[in-house]
Amino acid sequence: MREVRRALLEADVSLDVVRSFTEKVREQAIGATVVKSVTPGQMVVKIVHDELIATLGSDGQTIDLNAVPPVAIMMVGLQGSGKTTTTAKLARRLTQRDKRKVLMASLDIYRPAAMEQSRGARPRPRDPDAADRRRPEAGADRAAARWKPQSSAATTWCCSTPPAAPRSTKR
């Protein structure tokens, strides 16, 4: 239980929530019967998993994006918490599943790799003439004349922000 408590606290979960969560898991683990084919450690993992689902909610909620475009989604969090990765995954999902035009931007000017990371992970529009541009003999002029850039009218903006600067204790 110590590892679970430490992991929750390192994930910046409120101390009251951690205490409540670990107490519920402890109560369930004490009264649980262990099946022969399952080790006690595996049973604790199952109890922690079930309690996490109960705490976070078992029903998936959709994001309501029905607003006047562009709809802005801004990821905010601690350094190293996965904001850029989550933003890229969300942008890809909105593009592929919901067929939305997504503009993805990394606003982290302190970490240049974040911009490269978002550039590599962003959803890319399909370009039907890409094969023609790779083969100059296929008529590059014809392909260039037919190619029209994707509309820049993105309906959704996904932004990954830099971590908040720590507050100075000096006055």
Protein backbone atom coordinates (compact mmCIF):
# COMPACT_ATOMS: atom_id res chain seq x y z
CA MET A 1 0.00 0.00 0.00
CA ARG A 2 2.96 2.27 0.58
CA GLU A 3 3.85 2.17 -3.13
CA VAL A 4 0.27 3.00 -4.14
CA ARG A 5 0.18 5.92 -1.71
CA ARG A 6 3.55 7.22 -2.93
CA ALA A 7 2.53 6.91 -6.59
CA LEU A 8 -0.68 8.86 -5.99
CA LEU A 9 1.14 11.60 -4.09
CA GLU A 10 3.81 11.87 -6.80
CA ALA A 11 0.98 12.21 -9.35
CA ASP A 12 -0.13 15.32 -7.42
CA VAL A 13 -3.31 13.76 -6.04
CA SER A 14 -4.79 15.57 -3.04
CA LEU A 15 -3.72 14.16 0.32
CA ASP A 16 -7.36 13.78 1.44
CA VAL A 17 -8.16 11.78 -1.70
CA VAL A 18 -5.07 9.59 -1.18
CA ARG A 19 -6.02 8.87 2.44
CA SER A 20 -9.61 8.04 1.50
CA PHE A 21 -8.52 5.86 -1.42
CA THR A 22 -5.93 3.87 0.54
CA GLU A 23 -8.38 3.38 3.43
CA LYS A 24 -11.03 1.97 1.07
CA VAL A 25 -8.48 -0.35 -0.54
CA ARG A 26 -7.20 -1.47 2.86
CA GLU A 27 -10.75 -2.28 4.05
CA GLN A 28 -11.46 -4.32 0.91
CA ALA A 29 -8.11 -6.11 1.05
CA ILE A 30 -8.58 -7.19 4.67
CA GLY A 31 -11.96 -8.79 4.01
CA ALA A 32 -11.14 -10.26 0.59
CA THR A 33 -10.93 -13.98 0.09
CA VAL A 34 -8.02 -15.12 -2.04
CA VAL A 35 -8.73 -17.68 -4.75
CA LYS A 36 -6.21 -20.55 -5.07
CA SER A 37 -5.14 -19.54 -8.58
CA VAL A 38 -4.47 -15.92 -7.56
CA THR A 39 -1.63 -14.74 -5.36
CA PRO A 40 -2.32 -12.18 -2.60
CA GLY A 41 -0.29 -9.58 -4.53
CA GLN A 42 -2.44 -10.07 -7.63
CA MET A 43 -5.56 -9.73 -5.48
CA VAL A 44 -4.33 -6.38 -4.12
CA VAL A 45 -3.66 -5.18 -7.67
CA LYS A 46 -7.23 -6.14 -8.64
CA ILE A 47 -8.66 -4.33 -5.60
CA VAL A 48 -6.61 -1.19 -6.39
CA HIS A 49 -7.73 -1.36 -10.03
CA ASP A 50 -11.41 -1.75 -9.09
CA GLU A 51 -11.19 1.13 -6.59
CA LEU A 52 -9.51 3.37 -9.16
CA ILE A 53 -12.37 2.69 -11.58
CA ALA A 54 -14.92 3.40 -8.84
CA THR A 55 -13.13 6.63 -7.85
CA LEU A 56 -12.56 7.97 -11.36
CA GLY A 57 -15.89 6.78 -12.72
CA SER A 58 -16.71 3.79 -14.85
CA ASP A 59 -18.70 5.69 -17.48
CA GLY A 60 -16.76 7.46 -20.22
CA GLN A 61 -17.65 11.09 -20.76
CA THR A 62 -17.39 12.76 -24.14
CA ILE A 63 -15.99 16.23 -24.65
CA ASP A 64 -18.71 18.67 -25.66
CA LEU A 65 -17.24 20.58 -28.59
CA ASN A 66 -20.51 22.11 -29.72
CA ALA A 67 -19.53 25.77 -29.55
CA VAL A 68 -18.73 28.55 -31.94
CA PRO A 69 -15.50 27.55 -33.73
CA PRO A 70 -12.68 27.57 -33.04
CA VAL A 71 -12.98 25.56 -29.85
CA ALA A 72 -9.80 25.79 -27.76
CA ILE A 73 -8.53 22.86 -25.70
CA MET A 74 -5.59 23.82 -23.52
CA MET A 75 -3.53 21.21 -21.69
CA VAL A 76 -2.10 22.45 -18.42
CA GLY A 77 0.00 20.46 -15.98
CA LEU A 78 3.27 19.86 -14.25
CA GLN A 79 6.55 19.37 -16.08
CA GLY A 80 6.82 15.86 -17.44
CA SER A 81 3.15 15.04 -16.93
CA GLY A 82 2.55 14.23 -20.61
CA LYS A 83 0.80 17.37 -21.84
CA THR A 84 2.35 17.35 -25.32
CA THR A 85 1.82 13.63 -25.83
CA THR A 86 -1.79 13.80 -24.64
CA THR A 87 -2.42 16.84 -26.86
CA ALA A 88 -1.09 14.95 -29.89
CA LYS A 89 -3.21 11.89 -29.09
CA LEU A 90 -6.31 14.04 -28.58
CA ALA A 91 -5.70 15.92 -31.85
CA ARG A 92 -5.25 12.65 -33.73
CA ARG A 93 -8.44 11.22 -32.22
CA LEU A 94 -10.48 14.34 -33.03
CA THR A 95 -9.15 14.29 -36.60
CA GLN A 96 -9.63 10.61 -37.30
CA ARG A 97 -12.72 9.69 -35.31
CA ASP A 98 -14.67 12.95 -35.19
CA LYS A 99 -13.49 14.27 -38.59
CA ARG A 100 -12.66 17.69 -37.14
CA LYS A 101 -10.09 20.10 -38.53
CA VAL A 102 -7.56 20.42 -35.73
CA LEU A 103 -4.78 22.95 -35.27
CA MET A 104 -2.19 21.61 -32.84
CA ALA A 105 0.37 23.89 -31.21
CA SER A 106 3.01 23.51 -28.55
CA LEU A 107 3.31 26.73 -26.58
CA ASP A 108 6.28 25.53 -24.54
CA ILE A 109 9.00 27.97 -25.60
CA TYR A 110 11.33 26.75 -22.86
CA ARG A 111 11.56 23.24 -24.29
CA PRO A 112 12.23 23.29 -28.05
CA ALA A 113 11.86 19.51 -28.19
CA ALA A 114 8.16 19.95 -27.36
CA MET A 115 7.61 21.66 -30.69
CA GLU A 116 9.45 18.87 -32.52
CA GLN A 117 7.48 16.29 -30.52
CA SER A 118 4.16 17.87 -31.48
CA ARG A 119 5.26 18.23 -35.11
CA GLY A 120 6.05 14.53 -35.31
CA ALA A 121 2.87 13.38 -33.60
CA ARG A 122 0.30 15.73 -35.11
CA PRO A 123 -2.36 14.43 -37.45
CA ARG A 124 -1.49 15.09 -41.08
CA PRO A 125 -4.05 15.89 -43.76
CA ARG A 126 -4.26 13.42 -46.62
CA ASP A 127 -2.67 14.73 -49.78
CA PRO A 128 -3.92 12.84 -52.83
CA ASP A 129 -1.20 14.31 -55.07
CA ALA A 130 1.74 13.40 -52.82
CA ALA A 131 2.69 10.51 -55.11
CA ASP A 132 2.77 12.84 -58.12
CA ARG A 133 5.12 15.26 -56.34
CA ARG A 134 7.49 12.41 -55.50
CA ARG A 135 7.69 11.48 -59.19
CA PRO A 136 8.68 14.57 -61.19
CA GLU A 137 8.23 12.62 -64.43
CA ALA A 138 4.50 12.29 -63.61
CA GLY A 139 4.01 15.97 -64.29
CA ALA A 140 4.97 18.15 -61.34
CA ASP A 141 3.36 21.17 -62.99
CA ARG A 142 0.05 19.36 -63.35
CA ALA A 143 0.19 18.17 -59.73
CA ALA A 144 1.11 21.64 -58.46
CA ALA A 145 -1.78 23.15 -60.41
CA ARG A 146 -4.28 20.67 -58.98
CA TRP A 147 -3.00 20.70 -55.40
CA LYS A 148 -4.93 22.98 -53.09
CA PRO A 149 -3.68 23.48 -49.55
CA GLN A 150 -5.94 22.35 -46.74
CA SER A 151 -8.21 25.06 -45.40
CA SER A 152 -6.69 26.77 -42.39
CA ALA A 153 -10.14 27.18 -40.83
CA ALA A 154 -9.53 24.75 -37.98
CA THR A 155 -12.59 24.04 -35.88
CA THR A 156 -10.57 22.89 -32.87
CA TRP A 157 -7.32 24.19 -31.40
CA CYS A 158 -5.32 21.81 -29.19
CA CYS A 159 -2.56 23.56 -27.26
CA SER A 160 0.12 22.18 -24.96
CA THR A 161 1.33 24.79 -22.48
CA PRO A 162 4.67 25.13 -20.68
CA PRO A 163 4.73 24.09 -17.04
CA ALA A 164 3.98 26.84 -14.55
CA ALA A 165 7.11 28.46 -13.16
CA PRO A 166 7.63 27.70 -9.48
CA ARG A 167 6.79 30.58 -7.22
CA SER A 168 9.71 32.28 -5.61
CA THR A 169 9.72 32.38 -1.83
CA LYS A 170 11.92 35.48 -1.83
CA ARG A 171 10.36 38.91 -1.50
